[in-house]
């Protein structure tokens, strides 16, 4: 009985993972990049998080330009 329930659980779990993967068309990316879809909607929250990361890790940046950690751009 338990094995059957677990089999159904994993089947529906895998099915839901497959259903959640949707390719994004180029014309849909504008709506996904809107202000309402951002994780942090305000610049204050973003700057506070940057301050916390800098204080804890003694590192800043990493969100604008792709460069090495050694300082050699």
C-alpha atoms as a PDB file:
ATOM      1  CA  UNK A   1       0.000   0.000   0.000  1.00  0.00           C
ATOM      2  CA  UNK A   2       2.743   2.442   0.974  1.00  0.00           C
ATOM      3  CA  UNK A   3       4.806   1.509  -2.076  1.00  0.00           C
ATOM      4  CA  UNK A   4       1.862   2.298  -4.335  1.00  0.00           C
ATOM      5  CA  UNK A   5       1.354   5.678  -2.699  1.00  0.00           C
ATOM      6  CA  UNK A   6       5.040   6.501  -3.043  1.00  0.00           C
ATOM      7  CA  UNK A   7       4.996   5.428  -6.690  1.00  0.00           C
ATOM      8  CA  UNK A   8       2.059   7.754  -7.376  1.00  0.00           C
ATOM      9  CA  UNK A   9       3.762  10.538  -5.461  1.00  0.00           C
ATOM     10  CA  UNK A  10       6.969  10.281  -7.500  1.00  0.00           C
ATOM     11  CA  UNK A  11       5.017   9.982 -10.730  1.00  0.00           C
ATOM     12  CA  UNK A  12       3.063  13.187 -10.077  1.00  0.00           C
ATOM     13  CA  UNK A  13       6.158  14.917  -8.735  1.00  0.00           C
ATOM     14  CA  UNK A  14       8.109  14.188 -11.923  1.00  0.00           C
ATOM     15  CA  UNK A  15       5.109  15.121 -14.027  1.00  0.00           C
ATOM     16  CA  UNK A  16       4.837  18.480 -12.270  1.00  0.00           C
ATOM     17  CA  UNK A  17       8.545  19.141 -12.879  1.00  0.00           C
ATOM     18  CA  UNK A  18       8.089  18.496 -16.576  1.00  0.00           C
ATOM     19  CA  UNK A  19       5.033  20.722 -16.723  1.00  0.00           C
ATOM     20  CA  UNK A  20       6.860  23.592 -15.005  1.00  0.00           C
ATOM     21  CA  UNK A  21       9.587  23.832 -17.667  1.00  0.00           C
ATOM     22  CA  UNK A  22       8.425  26.244 -20.306  1.00  0.00           C
ATOM     23  CA  UNK A  23      10.648  27.944 -22.867  1.00  0.00           C
ATOM     24  CA  UNK A  24      10.421  31.734 -22.888  1.00  0.00           C
ATOM     25  CA  UNK A  25       9.867  33.339 -26.261  1.00  0.00           C
ATOM     26  CA  UNK A  26      11.884  36.471 -27.091  1.00  0.00           C
ATOM     27  CA  UNK A  27       8.770  38.650 -27.122  1.00  0.00           C
ATOM     28  CA  UNK A  28       7.745  37.392 -23.651  1.00  0.00           C
ATOM     29  CA  UNK A  29      11.002  38.424 -21.989  1.00  0.00           C
ATOM     30  CA  UNK A  30       9.935  42.065 -21.747  1.00  0.00           C
ATOM     31  CA  UNK A  31       7.065  41.227 -19.410  1.00  0.00           C
ATOM     32  CA  UNK A  32       9.278  38.941 -17.305  1.00  0.00           C
ATOM     33  CA  UNK A  33      11.856  41.709 -16.901  1.00  0.00           C
ATOM     34  CA  UNK A  34       9.320  44.234 -15.603  1.00  0.00           C
ATOM     35  CA  UNK A  35       9.686  45.867 -12.205  1.00  0.00           C
ATOM     36  CA  UNK A  36       6.908  43.739 -10.687  1.00  0.00           C
ATOM     37  CA  UNK A  37       8.688  40.486 -11.553  1.00  0.00           C
ATOM     38  CA  UNK A  38      11.962  41.438  -9.859  1.00  0.00           C
ATOM     39  CA  UNK A  39      12.998  39.736  -6.643  1.00  0.00           C
ATOM     40  CA  UNK A  40      13.817  43.057  -4.981  1.00  0.00           C
ATOM     41  CA  UNK A  41      11.582  45.829  -6.235  1.00  0.00           C
ATOM     42  CA  UNK A  42      13.234  48.685  -4.442  1.00  0.00           C
ATOM     43  CA  UNK A  43      16.733  50.035  -4.618  1.00  0.00           C
ATOM     44  CA  UNK A  44      16.782  50.463  -0.832  1.00  0.00           C
ATOM     45  CA  UNK A  45      16.301  46.739  -0.263  1.00  0.00           C
ATOM     46  CA  UNK A  46      18.950  45.965  -2.864  1.00  0.00           C
ATOM     47  CA  UNK A  47      21.475  48.349  -1.320  1.00  0.00           C
ATOM     48  CA  UNK A  48      20.814  46.957   2.177  1.00  0.00           C
ATOM     49  CA  UNK A  49      21.387  43.421   0.920  1.00  0.00           C
ATOM     50  CA  UNK A  50      24.614  44.511  -0.775  1.00  0.00           C
ATOM     51  CA  UNK A  51      25.755  46.033   2.508  1.00  0.00           C
ATOM     52  CA  UNK A  52      24.995  42.819   4.407  1.00  0.00           C
ATOM     53  CA  UNK A  53      26.852  40.699   1.850  1.00  0.00           C
ATOM     54  CA  UNK A  54      29.814  43.059   1.915  1.00  0.00           C
ATOM     55  CA  UNK A  55      29.910  43.042   5.716  1.00  0.00           C
ATOM     56  CA  UNK A  56      29.712  39.267   6.006  1.00  0.00           C
ATOM     57  CA  UNK A  57      31.897  38.217   3.092  1.00  0.00           C
ATOM     58  CA  UNK A  58      34.252  41.217   2.783  1.00  0.00           C
ATOM     59  CA  UNK A  59      33.494  41.315  -0.929  1.00  0.00           C
ATOM     60  CA  UNK A  60      31.406  43.639  -3.024  1.00  0.00           C
ATOM     61  CA  UNK A  61      30.202  43.630  -6.576  1.00  0.00           C
ATOM     62  CA  UNK A  62      29.671  40.590  -8.720  1.00  0.00           C
ATOM     63  CA  UNK A  63      26.392  41.775 -10.139  1.00  0.00           C
ATOM     64  CA  UNK A  64      27.432  44.022 -13.014  1.00  0.00           C
ATOM     65  CA  UNK A  65      30.526  43.031 -14.942  1.00  0.00           C
ATOM     66  CA  UNK A  66      31.928  39.579 -15.465  1.00  0.00           C
ATOM     67  CA  UNK A  67      35.478  39.637 -14.146  1.00  0.00           C
ATOM     68  CA  UNK A  68      37.838  37.531 -12.112  1.00  0.00           C
ATOM     69  CA  UNK A  69      38.043  37.698  -8.347  1.00  0.00           C
ATOM     70  CA  UNK A  70      41.689  38.718  -8.444  1.00  0.00           C
ATOM     71  CA  UNK A  71      40.952  42.218  -9.748  1.00  0.00           C
ATOM     72  CA  UNK A  72      42.282  41.614 -13.253  1.00  0.00           C
ATOM     73  CA  UNK A  73      39.394  42.584 -15.499  1.00  0.00           C
END
